[in-house]
C-alpha atoms as a PDB file:
ATOM      1  CA  MET A   1      94.480 139.459 115.810  1.00  0.00           C
ATOM      2  CA  ASP A   2      96.323 136.303 116.826  1.00  0.00           C
ATOM      3  CA  ASP A   3      99.332 134.695 115.117  1.00  0.00           C
ATOM      4  CA  ALA A   4      98.326 131.112 115.921  1.00  0.00           C
ATOM      5  CA  PRO A   5      98.831 128.365 113.305  1.00  0.00           C
ATOM      6  CA  PRO A   6      95.929 127.562 110.946  1.00  0.00           C
ATOM      7  CA  ARG A   7      92.916 126.125 112.735  1.00  0.00           C
ATOM      8  CA  THR A   8      90.874 123.087 111.875  1.00  0.00           C
ATOM      9  CA  VAL A   9      87.587 124.423 110.523  1.00  0.00           C
ATOM     10  CA  ARG A  10      84.418 122.478 109.709  1.00  0.00           C
ATOM     11  CA  SER A  11      82.416 123.554 106.659  1.00  0.00           C
ATOM     12  CA  LEU A  12      78.701 123.023 107.251  1.00  0.00           C
ATOM     13  CA  GLU A  13      75.523 123.335 105.202  1.00  0.00           C
ATOM     14  CA  ILE A  14      72.785 123.355 107.817  1.00  0.00           C
ATOM     15  CA  ASP A  15      69.156 122.824 106.848  1.00  0.00           C
ATOM     16  CA  ALA A  16      66.889 125.478 108.356  1.00  0.00           C
ATOM     17  CA  GLN A  17      63.121 125.866 108.507  1.00  0.00           C
ATOM     18  CA  THR A  18      61.043 128.683 109.930  1.00  0.00           C
ATOM     19  CA  GLU A  19      57.755 128.425 111.805  1.00  0.00           C
ATOM     20  CA  ASP A  20      55.868 129.430 108.659  1.00  0.00           C
ATOM     21  CA  GLY A  21      57.534 126.664 106.603  1.00  0.00           C
ATOM     22  CA  HIS A  22      60.230 128.596 104.752  1.00  0.00           C
ATOM     23  CA  ARG A  23      63.278 126.370 104.102  1.00  0.00           C
ATOM     24  CA  TYR A  24      66.864 127.365 103.341  1.00  0.00           C
ATOM     25  CA  GLN A  25      70.448 126.439 104.206  1.00  0.00           C
ATOM     26  CA  LEU A  26      72.745 128.154 106.646  1.00  0.00           C
ATOM     27  CA  LEU A  27      76.368 128.047 105.443  1.00  0.00           C
ATOM     28  CA  ALA A  28      78.827 127.845 108.329  1.00  0.00           C
ATOM     29  CA  ARG A  29      82.534 127.784 109.073  1.00  0.00           C
ATOM     30  CA  VAL A  30      83.081 126.442 112.598  1.00  0.00           C
ATOM     31  CA  PRO A  31      86.617 126.208 114.015  1.00  0.00           C
ATOM     32  CA  ASP A  32      87.574 123.829 116.773  1.00  0.00           C
ATOM     33  CA  ALA A  33      86.923 125.470 120.158  1.00  0.00           C
ATOM     34  CA  PRO A  34      85.517 128.745 118.795  1.00  0.00           C
ATOM     35  CA  ARG A  35      85.937 131.838 120.953  1.00  0.00           C
ATOM     36  CA  SER A  36      82.766 133.506 119.625  1.00  0.00           C
ATOM     37  CA  SER A  37      80.113 133.182 116.943  1.00  0.00           C
ATOM     38  CA  LEU A  38      78.864 135.515 114.236  1.00  0.00           C
ATOM     39  CA  LEU A  39      75.531 135.347 112.422  1.00  0.00           C
ATOM     40  CA  TRP A  40      76.088 137.355 109.234  1.00  0.00           C
ATOM     41  CA  LEU A  41      73.252 138.930 107.225  1.00  0.00           C
ATOM     42  CA  PRO A  42      73.870 139.555 103.496  1.00  0.00           C
ATOM     43  CA  ALA A  43      73.136 142.650 101.458  1.00  0.00           C
ATOM     44  CA  MET A  44      69.961 142.917  99.408  1.00  0.00           C
ATOM     45  CA  GLY A  45      70.080 140.573  96.434  1.00  0.00           C
ATOM     46  CA  ILE A  46      73.302 138.829  97.536  1.00  0.00           C
ATOM     47  CA  SER A  47      73.265 135.135  98.410  1.00  0.00           C
ATOM     48  CA  ALA A  48      75.132 133.760 101.404  1.00  0.00           C
ATOM     49  CA  LYS A  49      77.769 131.917  99.348  1.00  0.00           C
ATOM     50  CA  HIS A  50      79.397 135.215  98.334  1.00  0.00           C
ATOM     51  CA  TYR A  51      80.539 135.751 101.931  1.00  0.00           C
ATOM     52  CA  VAL A  52      82.411 132.447 102.239  1.00  0.00           C
ATOM     53  CA  PRO A  53      85.868 134.131 101.916  1.00  0.00           C
ATOM     54  CA  PHE A  54      84.869 136.442 104.790  1.00  0.00           C
ATOM     55  CA  ALA A  55      83.714 133.475 106.864  1.00  0.00           C
ATOM     56  CA  ASP A  56      86.903 131.531 106.095  1.00  0.00           C
ATOM     57  CA  ALA A  57      89.089 134.446 107.203  1.00  0.00           C
ATOM     58  CA  LEU A  58      87.214 134.933 110.473  1.00  0.00           C
ATOM     59  CA  ALA A  59      87.172 131.207 111.246  1.00  0.00           C
ATOM     60  CA  GLN A  60      90.978 131.167 111.145  1.00  0.00           C
ATOM     61  CA  HIS A  61      90.851 133.574 114.083  1.00  0.00           C
ATOM     62  CA  GLY A  62      88.496 131.447 116.137  1.00  0.00           C
ATOM     63  CA  VAL A  63      85.128 132.926 115.119  1.00  0.00           C
ATOM     64  CA  ALA A  64      82.394 130.470 114.157  1.00  0.00           C
ATOM     65  CA  VAL A  65      80.610 132.169 111.256  1.00  0.00           C
ATOM     66  CA  PHE A  66      77.076 131.373 110.114  1.00  0.00           C
ATOM     67  CA  LEU A  67      75.933 132.944 106.833  1.00  0.00           C
ATOM     68  CA  HIS A  68      72.222 133.642 106.849  1.00  0.00           C
ATOM     69  CA  GLU A  69      70.266 133.256 103.606  1.00  0.00           C
ATOM     70  CA  TRP A  70      67.572 135.813 102.919  1.00  0.00           C
ATOM     71  CA  ARG A  71      64.143 134.576 101.935  1.00  0.00           C
ATOM     72  CA  GLY A  72      64.027 134.522  98.143  1.00  0.00           C
ATOM     73  CA  ALA A  73      67.806 134.294  97.566  1.00  0.00           C
ATOM     74  CA  GLY A  74      70.296 131.485  97.030  1.00  0.00           C
ATOM     75  CA  SER A  75      69.297 128.299  98.847  1.00  0.00           C
ATOM     76  CA  SER A  76      65.875 129.645  99.869  1.00  0.00           C
ATOM     77  CA  GLN A  77      63.129 127.455  98.389  1.00  0.00           C
ATOM     78  CA  VAL A  78      60.859 130.427  97.618  1.00  0.00           C
ATOM     79  CA  ARG A  79      61.102 133.204  95.060  1.00  0.00           C
ATOM     80  CA  ALA A  80      59.268 136.498  95.174  1.00  0.00           C
ATOM     81  CA  SER A  81      56.415 136.862  92.722  1.00  0.00           C
ATOM     82  CA  ARG A  82      52.976 138.363  92.443  1.00  0.00           C
ATOM     83  CA  ASP A  83      51.652 135.351  94.373  1.00  0.00           C
ATOM     84  CA  VAL A  84      54.503 135.091  96.906  1.00  0.00           C
ATOM     85  CA  ASP A  85      55.325 138.162  98.972  1.00  0.00           C
ATOM     86  CA  TRP A  86      56.880 139.081 102.312  1.00  0.00           C
ATOM     87  CA  GLY A  87      58.386 142.056 104.106  1.00  0.00           C
ATOM     88  CA  TYR A  88      60.564 142.958 107.066  1.00  0.00           C
ATOM     89  CA  ARG A  89      58.123 141.201 109.417  1.00  0.00           C
ATOM     90  CA  GLU A  90      58.906 137.759 107.997  1.00  0.00           C
ATOM     91  CA  LEU A  91      62.641 138.442 107.771  1.00  0.00           C
ATOM     92  CA  LEU A  92      62.902 139.736 111.349  1.00  0.00           C
ATOM     93  CA  THR A  93      60.419 137.547 113.210  1.00  0.00           C
ATOM     94  CA  GLN A  94      60.514 134.266 111.266  1.00  0.00           C
ATOM     95  CA  ASP A  95      63.819 133.802 109.438  1.00  0.00           C
ATOM     96  CA  LEU A  96      66.324 135.320 111.856  1.00  0.00           C
ATOM     97  CA  PRO A  97      65.040 133.459 114.951  1.00  0.00           C
ATOM     98  CA  ALA A  98      65.416 130.184 113.008  1.00  0.00           C
ATOM     99  CA  SER A  99      69.041 130.978 112.180  1.00  0.00           C
ATOM    100  CA  GLU A 100      69.763 132.151 115.725  1.00  0.00           C
ATOM    101  CA  ALA A 101      68.552 128.834 117.106  1.00  0.00           C
ATOM    102  CA  LEU A 102      70.918 126.948 114.807  1.00  0.00           C
ATOM    103  CA  VAL A 103      73.850 129.158 115.805  1.00  0.00           C
ATOM    104  CA  ALA A 104      73.126 128.410 119.471  1.00  0.00           C
ATOM    105  CA  HIS A 105      73.022 124.679 118.704  1.00  0.00           C
ATOM    106  CA  HIS A 106      76.216 124.468 116.634  1.00  0.00           C
ATOM    107  CA  ALA A 107      78.315 126.963 118.628  1.00  0.00           C
ATOM    108  CA  PRO A 108      76.978 126.777 122.185  1.00  0.00           C
ATOM    109  CA  GLY A 109      78.363 128.618 125.166  1.00  0.00           C
ATOM    110  CA  VAL A 110      80.308 131.362 123.366  1.00  0.00           C
ATOM    111  CA  PRO A 111      79.583 135.087 123.015  1.00  0.00           C
ATOM    112  CA  ARG A 112      77.359 135.851 120.049  1.00  0.00           C
ATOM    113  CA  THR A 113      77.743 138.634 117.493  1.00  0.00           C
ATOM    114  CA  LEU A 114      75.127 139.682 114.940  1.00  0.00           C
ATOM    115  CA  GLY A 115      76.274 141.554 111.876  1.00  0.00           C
ATOM    116  CA  GLY A 116      75.570 142.404 108.302  1.00  0.00           C
ATOM    117  CA  HIS A 117      76.420 144.090 105.050  1.00  0.00           C
ATOM    118  CA  SER A 118      74.276 146.908 103.631  1.00  0.00           C
ATOM    119  CA  LEU A 119      70.589 146.000 104.220  1.00  0.00           C
ATOM    120  CA  GLY A 120      71.844 143.123 106.361  1.00  0.00           C
ATOM    121  CA  GLY A 121      73.434 145.593 108.744  1.00  0.00           C
ATOM    122  CA  GLN A 122      70.248 147.623 108.968  1.00  0.00           C
ATOM    123  CA  LEU A 123      68.158 144.567 109.753  1.00  0.00           C
ATOM    124  CA  ALA A 124      70.767 143.404 112.278  1.00  0.00           C
ATOM    125  CA  CYS A 125      70.140 146.657 114.168  1.00  0.00           C
ATOM    126  CA  CYS A 126      66.382 146.127 113.969  1.00  0.00           C
ATOM    127  CA  ARG A 127      66.645 142.496 115.073  1.00  0.00           C
ATOM    128  CA  LEU A 128      68.757 143.400 118.111  1.00  0.00           C
ATOM    129  CA  GLY A 129      66.174 146.011 119.013  1.00  0.00           C
ATOM    130  CA  LEU A 130      63.493 143.310 118.912  1.00  0.00           C
ATOM    131  CA  SER A 131      65.648 140.697 120.661  1.00  0.00           C
ATOM    132  CA  PRO A 132      68.513 142.295 122.644  1.00  0.00           C
ATOM    133  CA  GLU A 133      69.438 138.954 124.197  1.00  0.00           C
ATOM    134  CA  SER A 134      70.236 137.401 120.806  1.00  0.00           C
ATOM    135  CA  ALA A 135      73.770 138.892 120.677  1.00  0.00           C
ATOM    136  CA  THR A 136      76.210 140.934 122.743  1.00  0.00           C
ATOM    137  CA  ALA A 137      77.953 142.643 119.833  1.00  0.00           C
ATOM    138  CA  LEU A 138      77.038 144.174 116.483  1.00  0.00           C
ATOM    139  CA  TRP A 139      79.297 144.293 113.399  1.00  0.00           C
ATOM    140  CA  LEU A 140      78.496 146.328 110.289  1.00  0.00           C
ATOM    141  CA  VAL A 141      80.321 146.533 106.948  1.00  0.00           C
ATOM    142  CA  GLY A 142      79.275 148.841 104.123  1.00  0.00           C
ATOM    143  CA  SER A 143      75.994 149.531 105.860  1.00  0.00           C
ATOM    144  CA  GLY A 144      73.906 152.596 106.584  1.00  0.00           C
ATOM    145  CA  ALA A 145      70.337 153.817 106.581  1.00  0.00           C
ATOM    146  CA  PRO A 146      68.944 154.590 103.111  1.00  0.00           C
ATOM    147  CA  TYR A 147      67.446 157.902 104.335  1.00  0.00           C
ATOM    148  CA  TRP A 148      67.967 160.349 101.501  1.00  0.00           C
ATOM    149  CA  ARG A 149      68.930 163.264 103.738  1.00  0.00           C
ATOM    150  CA  ALA A 150      71.816 161.200 105.187  1.00  0.00           C
ATOM    151  CA  PHE A 151      73.582 161.024 101.807  1.00  0.00           C
ATOM    152  CA  PRO A 152      76.101 163.488 100.332  1.00  0.00           C
ATOM    153  CA  ALA A 153      74.614 166.424  98.415  1.00  0.00           C
ATOM    154  CA  LYS A 154      75.771 165.122  95.024  1.00  0.00           C
ATOM    155  CA  SER A 155      73.540 162.048  95.254  1.00  0.00           C
ATOM    156  CA  LYS A 156      70.742 162.729  97.703  1.00  0.00           C
ATOM    157  CA  TRP A 157      68.643 164.959  95.432  1.00  0.00           C
ATOM    158  CA  TRP A 158      67.514 162.037  93.220  1.00  0.00           C
ATOM    159  CA  LEU A 159      67.059 159.389  95.926  1.00  0.00           C
ATOM    160  CA  PRO A 160      63.418 160.215  96.845  1.00  0.00           C
ATOM    161  CA  PHE A 161      62.459 159.708  93.196  1.00  0.00           C
ATOM    162  CA  ALA A 162      64.376 156.399  93.099  1.00  0.00           C
ATOM    163  CA  TYR A 163      62.653 155.054  96.219  1.00  0.00           C
ATOM    164  CA  ARG A 164      59.199 155.902  94.906  1.00  0.00           C
ATOM    165  CA  PHE A 165      59.998 154.448  91.485  1.00  0.00           C
ATOM    166  CA  LEU A 166      61.381 151.165  92.839  1.00  0.00           C
ATOM    167  CA  ALA A 167      58.357 150.675  95.113  1.00  0.00           C
ATOM    168  CA  TRP A 168      56.028 151.403  92.157  1.00  0.00           C
ATOM    169  CA  LEU A 169      57.995 149.037  89.901  1.00  0.00           C
ATOM    170  CA  ALA A 170      57.859 146.214  92.450  1.00  0.00           C
ATOM    171  CA  ASP A 171      54.109 146.653  92.868  1.00  0.00           C
ATOM    172  CA  ARG A 172      53.562 146.744  89.112  1.00  0.00           C
ATOM    173  CA  HIS A 173      55.590 143.582  88.413  1.00  0.00           C
ATOM    174  CA  GLY A 174      54.633 141.722  91.590  1.00  0.00           C
ATOM    175  CA  ALA A 175      58.291 141.773  92.662  1.00  0.00           C
ATOM    176  CA  LEU A 176      61.260 144.001  91.932  1.00  0.00           C
ATOM    177  CA  PRO A 177      62.997 142.766  88.732  1.00  0.00           C
ATOM    178  CA  GLY A 178      66.376 143.621  90.212  1.00  0.00           C
ATOM    179  CA  ARG A 179      68.518 141.597  87.825  1.00  0.00           C
ATOM    180  CA  ARG A 180      66.995 143.423  84.863  1.00  0.00           C
ATOM    181  CA  ILE A 181      67.502 146.915  86.261  1.00  0.00           C
ATOM    182  CA  GLY A 182      70.886 146.288  87.902  1.00  0.00           C
ATOM    183  CA  PHE A 183      69.835 146.759  91.517  1.00  0.00           C
ATOM    184  CA  GLY A 184      69.177 143.942  93.970  1.00  0.00           C
ATOM    185  CA  GLY A 185      67.698 140.617  92.990  1.00  0.00           C
ATOM    186  CA  GLN A 186      64.135 139.416  92.523  1.00  0.00           C
ATOM    187  CA  GLU A 187      63.025 141.275  95.644  1.00  0.00           C
ATOM    188  CA  ALA A 188      59.650 140.897  97.328  1.00  0.00           C
ATOM    189  CA  ARG A 189      57.522 143.992  96.925  1.00  0.00           C
ATOM    190  CA  GLY A 190      56.874 144.028 100.688  1.00  0.00           C
ATOM    191  CA  VAL A 191      60.608 144.281 101.369  1.00  0.00           C
ATOM    192  CA  ILE A 192      60.999 147.059  98.802  1.00  0.00           C
ATOM    193  CA  ARG A 193      58.033 148.899 100.270  1.00  0.00           C
ATOM    194  CA  ASP A 194      59.433 148.721 103.832  1.00  0.00           C
ATOM    195  CA  TRP A 195      62.923 149.684 102.630  1.00  0.00           C
ATOM    196  CA  SER A 196      61.758 152.606 100.492  1.00  0.00           C
ATOM    197  CA  LEU A 197      59.652 154.025 103.341  1.00  0.00           C
ATOM    198  CA  THR A 198      62.798 154.168 105.488  1.00  0.00           C
ATOM    199  CA  GLY A 199      64.587 155.845 102.595  1.00  0.00           C
ATOM    200  CA  LEU A 200      61.921 158.538 102.456  1.00  0.00           C
ATOM    201  CA  SER A 201      61.235 159.025 106.171  1.00  0.00           C
ATOM    202  CA  GLY A 202      64.448 157.972 107.909  1.00  0.00           C
ATOM    203  CA  ARG A 203      62.447 155.730 110.265  1.00  0.00           C
ATOM    204  CA  TYR A 204      62.431 151.944 110.527  1.00  0.00           C
ATOM    205  CA  ALA A 205      59.131 150.095 110.540  1.00  0.00           C
ATOM    206  CA  GLY A 206      57.602 147.093 108.846  1.00  0.00           C
ATOM    207  CA  ALA A 207      54.077 146.199 107.841  1.00  0.00           C
ATOM    208  CA  GLY A 208      52.655 143.940 110.545  1.00  0.00           C
ATOM    209  CA  ILE A 209      55.402 144.670 113.106  1.00  0.00           C
ATOM    210  CA  ASP A 210      53.679 146.004 116.205  1.00  0.00           C
ATOM    211  CA  VAL A 211      56.877 146.959 118.051  1.00  0.00           C
ATOM    212  CA  ASP A 212      58.243 150.492 117.624  1.00  0.00           C
ATOM    213  CA  LEU A 213      61.600 149.645 116.016  1.00  0.00           C
ATOM    214  CA  GLU A 214      62.955 153.155 116.546  1.00  0.00           C
ATOM    215  CA  ALA A 215      62.291 153.012 120.299  1.00  0.00           C
ATOM    216  CA  ALA A 216      63.654 149.462 120.486  1.00  0.00           C
ATOM    217  CA  MET A 217      66.933 150.462 118.859  1.00  0.00           C
ATOM    218  CA  ALA A 218      67.208 153.569 121.039  1.00  0.00           C
ATOM    219  CA  ALA A 219      67.051 151.358 124.146  1.00  0.00           C
ATOM    220  CA  LEU A 220      69.721 148.958 122.889  1.00  0.00           C
ATOM    221  CA  ALA A 221      73.116 148.904 124.627  1.00  0.00           C
ATOM    222  CA  VAL A 222      75.546 146.822 122.578  1.00  0.00           C
ATOM    223  CA  ASP A 223      79.207 146.806 121.542  1.00  0.00           C
ATOM    224  CA  VAL A 224      79.324 148.104 117.951  1.00  0.00           C
ATOM    225  CA  ARG A 225      82.136 147.886 115.416  1.00  0.00           C
ATOM    226  CA  ALA A 226      81.523 149.280 111.947  1.00  0.00           C
ATOM    227  CA  VAL A 227      83.558 149.475 108.760  1.00  0.00           C
ATOM    228  CA  ALA A 228      82.787 151.976 106.011  1.00  0.00           C
ATOM    229  CA  LEU A 229      84.387 151.859 102.571  1.00  0.00           C
ATOM    230  CA  ALA A 230      85.830 155.157 101.386  1.00  0.00           C
ATOM    231  CA  GLN A 231      84.323 155.102  97.864  1.00  0.00           C
ATOM    232  CA  ASP A 232      81.054 153.364  98.725  1.00  0.00           C
ATOM    233  CA  TRP A 233      78.273 155.544  97.334  1.00  0.00           C
ATOM    234  CA  LEU A 234      75.641 152.941  98.322  1.00  0.00           C
ATOM    235  CA  GLY A 235      76.648 153.064 101.989  1.00  0.00           C
ATOM    236  CA  PRO A 236      78.604 156.274 102.631  1.00  0.00           C
ATOM    237  CA  GLU A 237      79.948 157.086 106.069  1.00  0.00           C
ATOM    238  CA  SER A 238      77.232 159.710 106.564  1.00  0.00           C
ATOM    239  CA  SER A 239      74.463 157.113 106.154  1.00  0.00           C
ATOM    240  CA  LEU A 240      76.286 154.754 108.530  1.00  0.00           C
ATOM    241  CA  ARG A 241      76.508 157.459 111.191  1.00  0.00           C
ATOM    242  CA  PHE A 242      72.809 158.228 110.762  1.00  0.00           C
ATOM    243  CA  LEU A 243      71.967 154.539 111.271  1.00  0.00           C
ATOM    244  CA  LEU A 244      74.176 154.286 114.357  1.00  0.00           C
ATOM    245  CA  SER A 245      72.699 157.482 115.815  1.00  0.00           C
ATOM    246  CA  LYS A 246      69.565 155.418 116.427  1.00  0.00           C
ATOM    247  CA  LEU A 247      71.504 153.242 118.909  1.00  0.00           C
ATOM    248  CA  ARG A 248      71.581 155.993 121.509  1.00  0.00           C
ATOM    249  CA  ARG A 249      72.925 153.856 124.364  1.00  0.00           C
ATOM    250  CA  SER A 250      75.738 152.342 122.294  1.00  0.00           C
ATOM    251  CA  SER A 251      79.182 153.821 121.550  1.00  0.00           C
ATOM    252  CA  PRO A 252      80.242 152.528 118.139  1.00  0.00           C
ATOM    253  CA  ARG A 253      83.743 152.363 116.750  1.00  0.00           C
ATOM    254  CA  ILE A 254      83.857 153.287 113.067  1.00  0.00           C
ATOM    255  CA  ASP A 255      86.786 152.605 110.724  1.00  0.00           C
ATOM    256  CA  VAL A 256      86.807 154.055 107.203  1.00  0.00           C
ATOM    257  CA  LEU A 257      88.990 151.941 104.910  1.00  0.00           C
ATOM    258  CA  ASP A 258      90.478 153.137 101.627  1.00  0.00           C
ATOM    259  CA  ALA A 259      91.694 151.140  98.645  1.00  0.00           C
ATOM    260  CA  ALA A 260      95.304 151.095  99.862  1.00  0.00           C
ATOM    261  CA  THR A 261      94.246 149.534 103.162  1.00  0.00           C
ATOM    262  CA  LEU A 262      91.870 147.044 101.571  1.00  0.00           C
ATOM    263  CA  GLY A 263      94.154 145.995  98.731  1.00  0.00           C
ATOM    264  CA  THR A 264      91.207 146.342  96.371  1.00  0.00           C
ATOM    265  CA  ARG A 265      88.557 148.903  95.407  1.00  0.00           C
ATOM    266  CA  ALA A 266      86.950 150.638  98.388  1.00  0.00           C
ATOM    267  CA  ASP A 267      83.433 150.203  97.005  1.00  0.00           C
ATOM    268  CA  HIS A 268      80.350 148.360  98.222  1.00  0.00           C
ATOM    269  CA  TYR A 269      81.317 144.862  97.063  1.00  0.00           C
ATOM    270  CA  ALA A 270      85.031 144.355  96.304  1.00  0.00           C
ATOM    271  CA  TRP A 271      85.964 143.685  99.953  1.00  0.00           C
ATOM    272  CA  MET A 272      83.928 140.457  99.862  1.00  0.00           C
ATOM    273  CA  LYS A 273      86.614 138.765  97.734  1.00  0.00           C
ATOM    274  CA  GLN A 274      89.516 140.262  99.706  1.00  0.00           C
ATOM    275  CA  PRO A 275      88.157 140.537 103.259  1.00  0.00           C
ATOM    276  CA  GLN A 276      91.413 140.379 105.235  1.00  0.00           C
ATOM    277  CA  ALA A 277      91.606 144.101 106.048  1.00  0.00           C
ATOM    278  CA  VAL A 278      87.940 144.200 107.062  1.00  0.00           C
ATOM    279  CA  VAL A 279      88.451 141.154 109.292  1.00  0.00           C
ATOM    280  CA  SER A 280      91.516 142.752 110.861  1.00  0.00           C
ATOM    281  CA  HIS A 281      89.619 145.909 111.797  1.00  0.00           C
ATOM    282  CA  LEU A 282      86.624 144.033 113.149  1.00  0.00           C
ATOM    283  CA  LEU A 283      88.824 141.884 115.371  1.00  0.00           C
ATOM    284  CA  ASP A 284      91.367 144.529 116.369  1.00  0.00           C
END
């Protein structure tokens, strides 16, 4: 990491629209003369604004950061319901290309990184499999495949039941009532169905996606840096390593950070408010 004086950074709220008409805003922190760009994908149920401290910290080191907004969250103009549904297909083939185009417009001519937290990291891997030219590097924080066998013994025994229950609950209500049950947000039942199938089978796929995502990720050669949090039961190191094992042509670097290193709890979310240690390891 550099010791340069503070940079001048522009704060942007960029209007975005997909080919199927979905509208949202891309939050961005763009330093003068950026050395690279990062399109960052949030965790399930987390809006883009919660990653602003992370974006601010990276921008001070010359990285132009663009915070993607998932369909149905934050600035997105749609909300999941019985009448409004989507799955991985829309997220991967409609929303992410729209954000990528805006990144290319607002930070042209610099190396591009795609990254994400939790589900965002998983879908970053899938997106790079579908579109390897969209970035030259992959960053993951607190991410990992939800496959139940990839979790420690103390938690994996109940996960298959949880995946089946959450998919059933989303179908019954028309969308997952995440705020009421304390997991995720108001999540589209198609997303929960695609996610839970990966949790049960260990394989990535999406309804309506004709490409074999597993084969696409296996063919991907990309620079990978990943950070795991030592007490993160939602994304333990074992699930991260299982996810990265799918990128057979890539050699990832994995750092496991504890509370002393982070200066805060080493769980799934606390780093978002104190991201300096995570930023340091990603840029080191």
